[in-house]
Amino acid sequence: MAKEVVDAMAMQRALTRITYEIIERNRGISNLVLIGVKTRGVFLAHRIATRLHQLEDTVVPVGELDVSEYRDDVSVNIPVSKDAISNLTAPITDKKVVLVDDVLYTGRTIRAAMDAIMDLGRPNSINLAVLVDRGHRELPIRADFVGKNIPTAQNEHIRVSVEEVDQRDSVEIVTADEATK
């Protein structure tokens, strides 16, 4: 049975807090680029960019990153292309990149995302913002900005729902069977 652990208001507060932390850590938002990991990380990145614009009166570029061809834990025979990042109009070389994803679990998605970014340029820095950190890392990757730490058992999953895709905002802990629904 799904258990909601973050509702819409709590998600909004977490994203607002992450936004303020990004501003503080980077001493403003100049030279900043947000890259959302598909699918839900893209929508979270756009929400953070909107909030940054409201607070700093500056538009921050947002790109969408598909890491599927960079994964090492999925057997796919797709030739690596330079199209992994889309909708990004700004270069990433010499920029402060903030990767945005919904859930940090093993670290493999983020490792793949960093590989994709490095294939496209050399940023000054890469930081990681996640809505949920659930633990169970397989790689030495840590988020710089975390909305909520939600420790889970190995047989549990985190389901993030966003209004833009799922018609509601929430984070739920679900069983493995429920995760596939």
Protein backbone atom coordinates (compact mmCIF):
# COMPACT_ATOMS: atom_id res chain seq x y z
CA MET A 1 0.00 0.00 0.00
CA ALA A 2 1.35 3.40 -1.01
CA LYS A 3 2.22 5.75 1.82
CA GLU A 4 2.39 9.46 1.00
CA VAL A 5 5.41 11.03 2.70
CA VAL A 6 5.47 14.38 0.89
CA ASP A 7 2.36 16.26 -0.21
CA ALA A 8 2.11 19.11 -2.72
CA MET A 9 2.77 21.86 -0.15
CA ALA A 10 5.79 20.05 1.32
CA MET A 11 7.16 19.53 -2.20
CA GLN A 12 6.79 23.23 -2.94
CA ARG A 13 8.57 24.13 0.31
CA ALA A 14 11.41 21.70 -0.44
CA LEU A 15 11.93 23.14 -3.93
CA THR A 16 11.88 26.69 -2.54
CA ARG A 17 14.49 25.74 0.06
CA ILE A 18 16.65 24.11 -2.63
CA THR A 19 16.34 27.29 -4.70
CA TYR A 20 17.58 29.48 -1.85
CA GLU A 21 20.44 27.06 -1.16
CA ILE A 22 21.49 27.19 -4.84
CA ILE A 23 21.57 31.00 -4.68
CA GLU A 24 23.59 30.98 -1.45
CA ARG A 25 26.09 28.31 -2.52
CA ASN A 26 26.73 30.02 -5.86
CA ARG A 27 26.70 33.58 -4.45
CA GLY A 28 23.94 34.47 -6.88
CA ILE A 29 22.99 32.85 -10.15
CA SER A 30 25.39 34.28 -12.70
CA ASN A 31 26.92 31.59 -14.93
CA LEU A 32 24.33 29.08 -13.68
CA VAL A 33 22.70 26.40 -15.85
CA LEU A 34 20.10 23.88 -14.66
CA ILE A 35 19.91 20.46 -16.29
CA GLY A 36 16.96 18.25 -15.42
CA VAL A 37 17.29 14.48 -15.69
CA LYS A 38 14.33 13.11 -17.66
CA THR A 39 11.57 12.71 -16.87
CA ARG A 40 10.53 14.26 -13.58
CA GLY A 41 13.83 16.00 -12.94
CA VAL A 42 13.11 18.21 -15.96
CA PHE A 43 9.89 19.53 -14.43
CA LEU A 44 11.58 20.08 -11.07
CA ALA A 45 14.41 21.99 -12.82
CA HIS A 46 11.87 24.24 -14.55
CA ARG A 47 10.16 24.93 -11.22
CA ILE A 48 13.49 25.85 -9.64
CA ALA A 49 14.30 28.09 -12.63
CA THR A 50 10.94 29.84 -12.26
CA ARG A 51 11.60 30.46 -8.57
CA LEU A 52 15.15 31.69 -9.33
CA HIS A 53 13.66 34.14 -11.83
CA GLN A 54 11.15 35.38 -9.24
CA LEU A 55 13.88 35.90 -6.64
CA GLU A 56 16.78 37.13 -8.77
CA ASP A 57 14.99 38.63 -11.82
CA THR A 58 17.26 36.65 -14.14
CA VAL A 59 16.39 33.81 -16.48
CA VAL A 60 18.47 30.69 -15.86
CA PRO A 61 18.79 28.32 -18.84
CA VAL A 62 17.31 24.84 -18.36
CA GLY A 63 18.28 21.76 -20.34
CA GLU A 64 16.76 18.30 -20.43
CA LEU A 65 19.05 15.31 -20.08
CA ASP A 66 18.29 11.77 -21.23
CA VAL A 67 20.91 9.46 -19.70
CA SER A 68 19.63 6.19 -21.16
CA GLU A 69 22.53 5.80 -23.60
CA TYR A 70 25.05 6.47 -20.82
CA ARG A 71 23.71 3.90 -18.34
CA ASP A 72 26.00 1.05 -17.32
CA ASP A 73 23.28 -0.95 -15.58
CA VAL A 74 20.88 -1.30 -18.50
CA SER A 75 21.79 -3.35 -21.52
CA VAL A 76 21.18 -1.05 -24.43
CA ASN A 77 23.11 -0.97 -27.67
CA ILE A 78 22.47 2.64 -28.56
CA PRO A 79 25.38 4.56 -30.08
CA VAL A 80 26.26 7.54 -27.88
CA SER A 81 25.14 10.80 -29.43
CA LYS A 82 25.52 14.46 -28.63
CA ASP A 83 21.71 14.71 -28.37
CA ALA A 84 21.54 13.55 -24.76
CA ILE A 85 20.94 17.14 -23.64
CA SER A 86 18.08 18.90 -25.38
CA ASN A 87 16.40 22.29 -25.16
CA LEU A 88 19.55 23.87 -23.74
CA THR A 89 20.35 27.09 -25.54
CA ALA A 90 23.37 28.02 -23.40
CA PRO A 91 26.78 26.32 -23.53
CA ILE A 92 27.85 24.44 -20.42
CA THR A 93 31.60 25.04 -20.72
CA ASP A 94 32.81 27.25 -17.85
CA LYS A 95 29.31 27.30 -16.31
CA LYS A 96 28.07 26.24 -12.90
CA VAL A 97 25.82 23.29 -13.71
CA VAL A 98 23.15 22.11 -11.29
CA LEU A 99 21.84 18.66 -12.18
CA VAL A 100 18.27 18.19 -10.97
CA ASP A 101 16.69 14.78 -10.43
CA ASP A 102 13.69 13.50 -8.51
CA VAL A 103 15.27 10.62 -6.56
CA LEU A 104 18.86 9.74 -5.67
CA TYR A 105 19.22 6.03 -5.04
CA THR A 106 22.25 4.02 -6.25
CA GLY A 107 24.02 6.96 -7.90
CA ARG A 108 24.17 5.29 -11.32
CA THR A 109 21.83 7.75 -13.02
CA ILE A 110 23.90 10.69 -11.78
CA ARG A 111 27.15 9.05 -12.87
CA ALA A 112 25.63 8.61 -16.33
CA ALA A 113 24.44 12.24 -16.28
CA MET A 114 27.93 13.50 -15.44
CA ASP A 115 29.40 11.43 -18.28
CA ALA A 116 26.89 12.98 -20.70
CA ILE A 117 27.65 16.49 -19.48
CA MET A 118 31.41 15.98 -19.78
CA ASP A 119 30.93 14.78 -23.38
CA LEU A 120 29.30 18.13 -24.17
CA GLY A 121 31.71 20.51 -22.47
CA ARG A 122 33.68 21.25 -19.36
CA PRO A 123 31.67 23.09 -16.71
CA ASN A 124 33.37 24.92 -13.84
CA SER A 125 31.38 22.80 -11.42
CA ILE A 126 28.56 20.29 -11.25
CA ASN A 127 26.24 20.25 -8.25
CA LEU A 128 23.37 17.88 -7.66
CA ALA A 129 19.88 18.83 -6.48
CA VAL A 130 17.41 16.05 -5.69
CA LEU A 131 13.91 16.12 -4.31
CA VAL A 132 14.41 12.81 -2.44
CA ASP A 133 17.55 11.04 -1.25
CA ARG A 134 16.61 7.48 -0.30
CA GLY A 135 20.08 6.11 0.46
CA HIS A 136 21.46 2.73 -0.70
CA ARG A 137 24.32 4.20 -2.74
CA GLU A 138 26.40 1.93 -4.97
CA LEU A 139 28.66 4.75 -6.13
CA PRO A 140 30.31 7.55 -4.10
CA ILE A 141 27.82 10.23 -5.11
CA ARG A 142 26.20 12.71 -2.73
CA ALA A 143 23.60 15.39 -3.38
CA ASP A 144 24.50 19.01 -2.67
CA PHE A 145 20.87 20.07 -2.33
CA VAL A 146 18.27 17.67 -0.90
CA GLY A 147 14.57 18.30 -0.51
CA LYS A 148 13.97 15.36 1.83
CA ASN A 149 15.93 12.35 3.06
CA ILE A 150 13.64 9.32 3.08
CA PRO A 151 15.37 6.14 4.26
CA THR A 152 13.82 3.10 2.60
CA ALA A 153 14.17 -0.65 2.70
CA GLN A 154 15.60 -2.38 -0.38
CA ASN A 155 12.16 -3.77 -1.26
CA GLU A 156 10.55 -0.33 -1.16
CA HIS A 157 10.51 2.27 -3.92
CA ILE A 158 9.91 5.99 -4.05
CA ARG A 159 7.23 7.22 -6.45
CA VAL A 160 7.45 10.92 -7.26
CA SER A 161 4.40 12.40 -8.90
CA VAL A 162 4.48 15.85 -10.50
CA GLU A 163 1.50 17.87 -11.65
CA GLU A 164 2.84 18.22 -15.20
CA VAL A 165 2.87 14.43 -15.77
CA ASP A 166 0.76 12.84 -13.05
CA GLN A 167 -1.84 15.57 -12.37
CA ARG A 168 -0.71 15.88 -8.74
CA ASP A 169 2.38 16.55 -6.66
CA SER A 170 3.39 13.94 -4.10
CA VAL A 171 6.08 11.53 -2.98
CA GLU A 172 5.05 8.05 -1.89
CA ILE A 173 6.80 4.98 -0.56
CA VAL A 174 5.51 1.96 -2.46
CA THR A 175 6.26 -1.76 -2.65
CA ALA A 176 8.07 -3.21 -5.65
CA ASP A 177 4.75 -4.49 -7.04
CA GLU A 178 3.14 -1.04 -6.77
CA ALA A 179 6.14 0.66 -8.38
CA THR A 180 5.45 -1.04 -11.71
CA LYS A 181 1.85 0.22 -11.85
